[in-house]
Amino acid sequence: MPLTEADAGRYARHASVAAVGAEGQARLRAARVQVVGAGGEAGPALLCLAQAGVGALYLDDEADVGPEDAPGWLYGPERLGELRLLAALEPLRRTGGPLRVRPHGTGVDLSAALIFAGTRGIALLAADRARLAALPHVVVEPRGEGGRVVSVPAGAPCYRCAGRPVLGGPPAPGAAAAAGLLGALELLLILADALPPPGEGRCLELGPAGPQARATVRRSGCACGRPPA
C-alpha cells in the first residue's frame, strides 16, 4: 500500500532511515498486527506501533483493566473495571495517523503478531498459533527487573527453540515498559523487512547491562523445522 502525501510528510524521518526507507514505511502502513495481551506491559508497545505508522492493530484480550495496568501509559484510573480491549481503543485512536484499531476476530488477514506472555502457557499457545499460521511474531516476557524478547521472523527457529525464560518475580513497571517497547521495535523491524539476515530469529535478554542478543537455534526434531502439512 503506497504512502499518501500526508503519510509521507508525517513519517519522513522514519523513511530517511536507510534500513526502513519509503518502502519499509509503506509496509508498516499496510501491516495488520494481532496483539495478544493488552495489559500494562503492552501499553507502551501499542502506542509505539500506533505512532510508527502501523496500519491496523487487532487487540486480543478478554481481561478487565486492573490496578496493575496503571503504569502502562494507556489506562487512566477512570478505566478501572472496563474491558481492556475496549478501553484501549480511544487512546490509541487519538495518536492520529492511518491507524485502525479493532478487537481481534476470525477471518482477519494478519501480517504479524506481538505476544505479551502473561504466563508460559499463554506464550506457547499464542506462539504456536502464529507459527502454524505462518505469521512472523515477537514474544515479550518481562520478569522482575529484566526479561526477554524473542523474535521469530518467517522461517526462523520458533519460540520453543529459544528455551525457557529466566524465572523472576512480577515485572517492575520500568522493566515491563522497556521490554514492551523493545518487543514493538523488533516487530517494526520485521514488518519493515529491516531485520537481517532473513530466516534468523533472535532472543534479547534484558538485564542491568542492557539487552544482550543471541541468535536462536532450531532444536533437533522441532516441529518448526518441518514443512507445513
C-alpha atoms as a PDB file:
ATOM      1  CA  MET A   1       0.000   0.000   0.000  1.00  0.00           C
ATOM      2  CA  PRO A   2       1.700   3.238  -1.139  1.00  0.00           C
ATOM      3  CA  LEU A   3       2.050   6.145   1.267  1.00  0.00           C
ATOM      4  CA  THR A   4      -0.299   9.067   0.847  1.00  0.00           C
ATOM      5  CA  GLU A   5       1.133  12.579   0.686  1.00  0.00           C
ATOM      6  CA  ALA A   6       0.050  13.154   4.287  1.00  0.00           C
ATOM      7  CA  ASP A   7       1.707   9.892   5.397  1.00  0.00           C
ATOM      8  CA  ALA A   8       4.930  10.769   3.572  1.00  0.00           C
ATOM      9  CA  GLY A   9       5.150  14.048   5.459  1.00  0.00           C
ATOM     10  CA  ARG A  10       4.197  12.538   8.821  1.00  0.00           C
ATOM     11  CA  TYR A  11       6.767   9.723   8.600  1.00  0.00           C
ATOM     12  CA  ALA A  12       9.520  11.493   6.667  1.00  0.00           C
ATOM     13  CA  ARG A  13      12.054  10.946   9.460  1.00  0.00           C
ATOM     14  CA  HIS A  14      11.288   7.216   9.528  1.00  0.00           C
ATOM     15  CA  ALA A  15      11.657   6.937   5.769  1.00  0.00           C
ATOM     16  CA  SER A  16      15.037   8.690   5.970  1.00  0.00           C
ATOM     17  CA  VAL A  17      16.433   5.741   7.976  1.00  0.00           C
ATOM     18  CA  ALA A  18      18.320   3.586   5.462  1.00  0.00           C
ATOM     19  CA  ALA A  19      17.075   0.294   6.930  1.00  0.00           C
ATOM     20  CA  VAL A  20      13.446   1.409   6.581  1.00  0.00           C
ATOM     21  CA  GLY A  21      13.083   3.871   3.694  1.00  0.00           C
ATOM     22  CA  ALA A  22       9.841   4.774   1.970  1.00  0.00           C
ATOM     23  CA  GLU A  23       9.213   1.138   1.002  1.00  0.00           C
ATOM     24  CA  GLY A  24       9.610  -0.062   4.586  1.00  0.00           C
ATOM     25  CA  GLN A  25       7.277   2.665   5.833  1.00  0.00           C
ATOM     26  CA  ALA A  26       4.731   1.644   3.221  1.00  0.00           C
ATOM     27  CA  ARG A  27       4.936  -1.924   4.512  1.00  0.00           C
ATOM     28  CA  LEU A  28       4.211  -0.651   8.034  1.00  0.00           C
ATOM     29  CA  ARG A  29       1.239   1.289   6.655  1.00  0.00           C
ATOM     30  CA  ALA A  30      -0.148  -1.914   5.135  1.00  0.00           C
ATOM     31  CA  ALA A  31       0.530  -4.129   8.182  1.00  0.00           C
ATOM     32  CA  ARG A  32      -2.223  -5.762  10.221  1.00  0.00           C
ATOM     33  CA  VAL A  33      -0.903  -6.825  13.634  1.00  0.00           C
ATOM     34  CA  GLN A  34      -2.565  -9.054  16.204  1.00  0.00           C
ATOM     35  CA  VAL A  35      -1.568  -8.039  19.743  1.00  0.00           C
ATOM     36  CA  VAL A  36      -2.113 -10.835  22.260  1.00  0.00           C
ATOM     37  CA  GLY A  37      -2.471  -9.268  25.709  1.00  0.00           C
ATOM     38  CA  ALA A  38      -3.295  -5.598  26.279  1.00  0.00           C
ATOM     39  CA  GLY A  39      -2.226  -5.193  29.918  1.00  0.00           C
ATOM     40  CA  GLY A  40       0.083  -2.599  31.419  1.00  0.00           C
ATOM     41  CA  GLU A  41       3.227  -4.015  29.826  1.00  0.00           C
ATOM     42  CA  ALA A  42       1.570  -3.824  26.397  1.00  0.00           C
ATOM     43  CA  GLY A  43       0.633  -0.136  26.686  1.00  0.00           C
ATOM     44  CA  PRO A  44       3.997   1.374  25.639  1.00  0.00           C
ATOM     45  CA  ALA A  45       4.286  -1.116  22.772  1.00  0.00           C
ATOM     46  CA  LEU A  46       0.798  -0.381  21.464  1.00  0.00           C
ATOM     47  CA  LEU A  47       1.481   3.357  21.476  1.00  0.00           C
ATOM     48  CA  CYS A  48       4.825   2.767  19.748  1.00  0.00           C
ATOM     49  CA  LEU A  49       3.217   0.723  16.964  1.00  0.00           C
ATOM     50  CA  ALA A  50       0.465   3.300  16.513  1.00  0.00           C
ATOM     51  CA  GLN A  51       2.859   6.229  16.312  1.00  0.00           C
ATOM     52  CA  ALA A  52       5.227   4.357  13.977  1.00  0.00           C
ATOM     53  CA  GLY A  53       2.505   4.151  11.335  1.00  0.00           C
ATOM     54  CA  VAL A  54       1.295   0.548  11.572  1.00  0.00           C
ATOM     55  CA  GLY A  55      -1.956   0.388   9.630  1.00  0.00           C
ATOM     56  CA  ALA A  56      -4.123  -1.808  11.868  1.00  0.00           C
ATOM     57  CA  LEU A  57      -3.979  -3.313  15.352  1.00  0.00           C
ATOM     58  CA  TYR A  58      -6.225  -6.206  16.377  1.00  0.00           C
ATOM     59  CA  LEU A  59      -6.351  -6.492  20.175  1.00  0.00           C
ATOM     60  CA  ASP A  60      -6.756  -9.958  21.673  1.00  0.00           C
ATOM     61  CA  ASP A  61      -7.509  -9.701  25.407  1.00  0.00           C
ATOM     62  CA  GLU A  62     -10.591 -10.631  27.416  1.00  0.00           C
ATOM     63  CA  ALA A  63      -9.472  -9.243  30.806  1.00  0.00           C
ATOM     64  CA  ASP A  64     -10.575  -6.035  32.557  1.00  0.00           C
ATOM     65  CA  VAL A  65      -8.315  -3.084  33.353  1.00  0.00           C
ATOM     66  CA  GLY A  66      -6.888  -3.560  36.865  1.00  0.00           C
ATOM     67  CA  PRO A  67      -4.695  -1.516  39.243  1.00  0.00           C
ATOM     68  CA  GLU A  68      -1.629  -3.375  37.922  1.00  0.00           C
ATOM     69  CA  ASP A  69      -2.201  -1.793  34.491  1.00  0.00           C
ATOM     70  CA  ALA A  70      -1.847   1.810  35.739  1.00  0.00           C
ATOM     71  CA  PRO A  71       1.908   2.163  34.997  1.00  0.00           C
ATOM     72  CA  GLY A  72       1.361   1.098  31.374  1.00  0.00           C
ATOM     73  CA  TRP A  73       0.748   4.580  29.866  1.00  0.00           C
ATOM     74  CA  LEU A  74      -2.546   3.568  28.271  1.00  0.00           C
ATOM     75  CA  TYR A  75      -5.188   3.324  31.011  1.00  0.00           C
ATOM     76  CA  GLY A  76      -6.124   6.085  33.444  1.00  0.00           C
ATOM     77  CA  PRO A  77      -7.817   5.390  36.801  1.00  0.00           C
ATOM     78  CA  GLU A  78     -11.200   6.119  35.212  1.00  0.00           C
ATOM     79  CA  ARG A  79     -10.774   2.976  33.073  1.00  0.00           C
ATOM     80  CA  LEU A  80     -10.620   0.546  36.021  1.00  0.00           C
ATOM     81  CA  GLY A  81     -13.012  -2.342  35.518  1.00  0.00           C
ATOM     82  CA  GLU A  82     -13.511  -1.729  31.789  1.00  0.00           C
ATOM     83  CA  LEU A  83     -12.674  -4.414  29.264  1.00  0.00           C
ATOM     84  CA  ARG A  84      -9.051  -3.801  28.252  1.00  0.00           C
ATOM     85  CA  LEU A  85      -9.546  -4.130  24.519  1.00  0.00           C
ATOM     86  CA  LEU A  86     -12.361  -1.561  24.575  1.00  0.00           C
ATOM     87  CA  ALA A  87     -10.620   0.816  26.993  1.00  0.00           C
ATOM     88  CA  ALA A  88      -7.541   0.860  24.745  1.00  0.00           C
ATOM     89  CA  LEU A  89      -9.382   1.869  21.571  1.00  0.00           C
ATOM     90  CA  GLU A  90      -9.837   5.578  22.316  1.00  0.00           C
ATOM     91  CA  PRO A  91      -6.270   6.444  23.467  1.00  0.00           C
ATOM     92  CA  LEU A  92      -4.798   4.536  20.526  1.00  0.00           C
ATOM     93  CA  ARG A  93      -7.043   6.239  18.008  1.00  0.00           C
ATOM     94  CA  ARG A  94      -6.044   9.615  19.419  1.00  0.00           C
ATOM     95  CA  THR A  95      -2.463   9.056  18.245  1.00  0.00           C
ATOM     96  CA  GLY A  96      -3.609  10.113  14.774  1.00  0.00           C
ATOM     97  CA  GLY A  97      -2.274   8.805  11.505  1.00  0.00           C
ATOM     98  CA  PRO A  98      -3.834   5.993   9.478  1.00  0.00           C
ATOM     99  CA  LEU A  99      -4.244   3.535  12.369  1.00  0.00           C
ATOM    100  CA  ARG A 100      -7.294   1.280  12.597  1.00  0.00           C
ATOM    101  CA  VAL A 101      -7.896  -0.423  15.967  1.00  0.00           C
ATOM    102  CA  ARG A 102     -10.248  -3.396  16.277  1.00  0.00           C
ATOM    103  CA  PRO A 103     -10.954  -6.261  18.668  1.00  0.00           C
ATOM    104  CA  HIS A 104      -9.351  -9.390  17.242  1.00  0.00           C
ATOM    105  CA  GLY A 105     -11.686 -11.738  15.398  1.00  0.00           C
ATOM    106  CA  THR A 106     -11.586 -14.617  12.985  1.00  0.00           C
ATOM    107  CA  GLY A 107     -11.182 -14.117   9.287  1.00  0.00           C
ATOM    108  CA  VAL A 108      -8.624 -11.289   9.554  1.00  0.00           C
ATOM    109  CA  ASP A 109      -5.729 -11.444   7.092  1.00  0.00           C
ATOM    110  CA  LEU A 110      -2.905 -10.721   9.536  1.00  0.00           C
ATOM    111  CA  SER A 111       0.683  -9.675   8.800  1.00  0.00           C
ATOM    112  CA  ALA A 112       2.290 -10.468  12.180  1.00  0.00           C
ATOM    113  CA  ALA A 113       1.642 -10.955  15.902  1.00  0.00           C
ATOM    114  CA  LEU A 114       3.024  -9.357  19.057  1.00  0.00           C
ATOM    115  CA  ILE A 115       2.551 -11.595  22.094  1.00  0.00           C
ATOM    116  CA  PHE A 116       2.671 -10.479  25.729  1.00  0.00           C
ATOM    117  CA  ALA A 117       3.195 -13.604  27.794  1.00  0.00           C
ATOM    118  CA  GLY A 118       1.182 -13.308  30.977  1.00  0.00           C
ATOM    119  CA  THR A 119       2.043 -16.962  31.561  1.00  0.00           C
ATOM    120  CA  ARG A 120       4.253 -19.535  29.867  1.00  0.00           C
ATOM    121  CA  GLY A 121       1.126 -21.369  28.717  1.00  0.00           C
ATOM    122  CA  ILE A 122      -0.284 -18.272  27.004  1.00  0.00           C
ATOM    123  CA  ALA A 123       3.039 -17.637  25.286  1.00  0.00           C
ATOM    124  CA  LEU A 124       3.319 -21.208  23.991  1.00  0.00           C
ATOM    125  CA  LEU A 125      -0.266 -21.330  22.742  1.00  0.00           C
ATOM    126  CA  ALA A 126      -0.145 -17.939  21.018  1.00  0.00           C
ATOM    127  CA  ALA A 127       3.300 -18.545  19.502  1.00  0.00           C
ATOM    128  CA  ASP A 128       2.288 -21.975  18.203  1.00  0.00           C
ATOM    129  CA  ARG A 129      -0.822 -20.490  16.600  1.00  0.00           C
ATOM    130  CA  ALA A 130       1.250 -17.788  14.929  1.00  0.00           C
ATOM    131  CA  ARG A 131       3.772 -20.353  13.665  1.00  0.00           C
ATOM    132  CA  LEU A 132       1.058 -22.606  12.243  1.00  0.00           C
ATOM    133  CA  ALA A 133      -0.485 -19.581  10.508  1.00  0.00           C
ATOM    134  CA  ALA A 134       2.967 -18.701   9.065  1.00  0.00           C
ATOM    135  CA  LEU A 135       2.879 -15.337  10.853  1.00  0.00           C
ATOM    136  CA  PRO A 136       6.104 -13.610  11.910  1.00  0.00           C
ATOM    137  CA  HIS A 137       5.817 -12.901  15.623  1.00  0.00           C
ATOM    138  CA  VAL A 138       7.559 -11.499  18.680  1.00  0.00           C
ATOM    139  CA  VAL A 139       7.063 -12.758  22.249  1.00  0.00           C
ATOM    140  CA  VAL A 140       7.634 -10.317  25.138  1.00  0.00           C
ATOM    141  CA  GLU A 141       8.379 -11.757  28.601  1.00  0.00           C
ATOM    142  CA  PRO A 142       9.117  -9.122  31.265  1.00  0.00           C
ATOM    143  CA  ARG A 143      10.406 -10.623  34.519  1.00  0.00           C
ATOM    144  CA  GLY A 144      11.445  -8.767  37.675  1.00  0.00           C
ATOM    145  CA  GLU A 145      13.936  -6.066  36.654  1.00  0.00           C
ATOM    146  CA  GLY A 146      14.517  -7.589  33.212  1.00  0.00           C
ATOM    147  CA  GLY A 147      13.074 -10.301  30.998  1.00  0.00           C
ATOM    148  CA  ARG A 148      13.484 -11.246  27.376  1.00  0.00           C
ATOM    149  CA  VAL A 149      12.112 -10.660  23.881  1.00  0.00           C
ATOM    150  CA  VAL A 150      12.033 -13.491  21.329  1.00  0.00           C
ATOM    151  CA  SER A 151      11.790 -12.555  17.637  1.00  0.00           C
ATOM    152  CA  VAL A 152      10.533 -15.152  15.151  1.00  0.00           C
ATOM    153  CA  PRO A 153      10.642 -13.845  11.560  1.00  0.00           C
ATOM    154  CA  ALA A 154       9.395 -16.046   8.735  1.00  0.00           C
ATOM    155  CA  GLY A 155      11.392 -19.293   8.566  1.00  0.00           C
ATOM    156  CA  ALA A 156      13.234 -18.698  11.862  1.00  0.00           C
ATOM    157  CA  PRO A 157      13.506 -21.137  14.777  1.00  0.00           C
ATOM    158  CA  CYS A 158      10.319 -20.969  16.823  1.00  0.00           C
ATOM    159  CA  TYR A 159       9.647 -19.592  20.285  1.00  0.00           C
ATOM    160  CA  ARG A 160      10.062 -23.044  21.835  1.00  0.00           C
ATOM    161  CA  CYS A 161      13.572 -23.251  20.362  1.00  0.00           C
ATOM    162  CA  ALA A 162      14.576 -20.185  22.399  1.00  0.00           C
ATOM    163  CA  GLY A 163      14.357 -22.233  25.615  1.00  0.00           C
ATOM    164  CA  ARG A 164      12.523 -21.470  28.823  1.00  0.00           C
ATOM    165  CA  PRO A 165      12.578 -17.883  30.122  1.00  0.00           C
ATOM    166  CA  VAL A 166      14.627 -16.980  33.167  1.00  0.00           C
ATOM    167  CA  LEU A 167      12.466 -17.138  36.267  1.00  0.00           C
ATOM    168  CA  GLY A 168      11.697 -13.930  38.103  1.00  0.00           C
ATOM    169  CA  GLY A 169       9.002 -12.159  40.049  1.00  0.00           C
ATOM    170  CA  PRO A 170       6.345  -9.827  38.666  1.00  0.00           C
ATOM    171  CA  PRO A 171       7.916  -7.242  36.369  1.00  0.00           C
ATOM    172  CA  ALA A 172       8.806  -3.835  37.748  1.00  0.00           C
ATOM    173  CA  PRO A 173       6.970  -1.051  35.850  1.00  0.00           C
ATOM    174  CA  GLY A 174      10.150   0.231  34.224  1.00  0.00           C
ATOM    175  CA  ALA A 175      11.235  -3.237  33.150  1.00  0.00           C
ATOM    176  CA  ALA A 176       7.800  -4.013  31.719  1.00  0.00           C
ATOM    177  CA  ALA A 177       7.790  -0.784  29.708  1.00  0.00           C
ATOM    178  CA  ALA A 178      11.326  -1.419  28.412  1.00  0.00           C
ATOM    179  CA  ALA A 179      10.521  -4.990  27.383  1.00  0.00           C
ATOM    180  CA  GLY A 180       7.298  -3.917  25.694  1.00  0.00           C
ATOM    181  CA  LEU A 181       8.991  -1.150  23.726  1.00  0.00           C
ATOM    182  CA  LEU A 182      11.824  -3.456  22.688  1.00  0.00           C
ATOM    183  CA  GLY A 183       9.275  -6.016  21.506  1.00  0.00           C
ATOM    184  CA  ALA A 184       7.474  -3.364  19.465  1.00  0.00           C
ATOM    185  CA  LEU A 185      10.758  -2.229  17.870  1.00  0.00           C
ATOM    186  CA  GLU A 186      11.644  -5.819  16.963  1.00  0.00           C
ATOM    187  CA  LEU A 187       8.252  -6.241  15.323  1.00  0.00           C
ATOM    188  CA  LEU A 188       8.630  -2.969  13.412  1.00  0.00           C
ATOM    189  CA  LEU A 189      11.976  -4.170  12.044  1.00  0.00           C
ATOM    190  CA  ILE A 190      10.373  -7.436  10.918  1.00  0.00           C
ATOM    191  CA  LEU A 191       7.436  -5.648   9.282  1.00  0.00           C
ATOM    192  CA  ALA A 192       9.727  -3.180   7.514  1.00  0.00           C
ATOM    193  CA  ASP A 193      11.922  -6.086   6.349  1.00  0.00           C
ATOM    194  CA  ALA A 194      14.865  -4.480   8.124  1.00  0.00           C
ATOM    195  CA  LEU A 195      15.937  -7.298  10.460  1.00  0.00           C
ATOM    196  CA  PRO A 196      18.819  -9.184   8.782  1.00  0.00           C
ATOM    197  CA  PRO A 197      19.685 -11.855   7.995  1.00  0.00           C
ATOM    198  CA  PRO A 198      16.479 -13.393   6.564  1.00  0.00           C
ATOM    199  CA  GLY A 199      15.228 -16.506   8.321  1.00  0.00           C
ATOM    200  CA  GLU A 200      17.208 -15.891  11.522  1.00  0.00           C
ATOM    201  CA  GLY A 201      15.486 -15.356  14.848  1.00  0.00           C
ATOM    202  CA  ARG A 202      16.999 -13.866  17.950  1.00  0.00           C
ATOM    203  CA  CYS A 203      16.474 -13.636  21.685  1.00  0.00           C
ATOM    204  CA  LEU A 204      17.175 -10.392  23.538  1.00  0.00           C
ATOM    205  CA  GLU A 205      17.848 -10.858  27.249  1.00  0.00           C
ATOM    206  CA  LEU A 206      17.218  -7.737  29.325  1.00  0.00           C
ATOM    207  CA  GLY A 207      19.406  -7.117  32.343  1.00  0.00           C
ATOM    208  CA  PRO A 208      21.369  -4.433  34.216  1.00  0.00           C
ATOM    209  CA  ALA A 209      23.907  -4.223  31.367  1.00  0.00           C
ATOM    210  CA  GLY A 210      21.204  -3.653  28.752  1.00  0.00           C
ATOM    211  CA  PRO A 211      19.865  -6.046  26.107  1.00  0.00           C
ATOM    212  CA  GLN A 212      22.116  -8.955  25.180  1.00  0.00           C
ATOM    213  CA  ALA A 213      21.267 -10.546  21.831  1.00  0.00           C
ATOM    214  CA  ARG A 214      21.818 -14.128  20.724  1.00  0.00           C
ATOM    215  CA  ALA A 215      20.633 -15.950  17.637  1.00  0.00           C
ATOM    216  CA  THR A 216      18.073 -18.677  18.267  1.00  0.00           C
ATOM    217  CA  VAL A 217      18.982 -22.201  17.121  1.00  0.00           C
ATOM    218  CA  ARG A 218      16.435 -24.728  15.917  1.00  0.00           C
ATOM    219  CA  ARG A 219      16.157 -27.710  18.243  1.00  0.00           C
ATOM    220  CA  SER A 220      16.632 -31.103  16.671  1.00  0.00           C
ATOM    221  CA  GLY A 221      13.252 -32.569  15.737  1.00  0.00           C
ATOM    222  CA  CYS A 222      11.307 -29.387  16.485  1.00  0.00           C
ATOM    223  CA  ALA A 223       8.048 -29.043  14.557  1.00  0.00           C
ATOM    224  CA  CYS A 224       9.146 -25.657  13.208  1.00  0.00           C
ATOM    225  CA  GLY A 225      11.761 -27.409  11.077  1.00  0.00           C
ATOM    226  CA  ARG A 226       9.179 -29.468   9.209  1.00  0.00           C
ATOM    227  CA  PRO A 227       7.391 -28.190   6.094  1.00  0.00           C
ATOM    228  CA  PRO A 228       3.738 -27.238   6.650  1.00  0.00           C
ATOM    229  CA  ALA A 229       1.246 -30.023   6.076  1.00  0.00           C
END
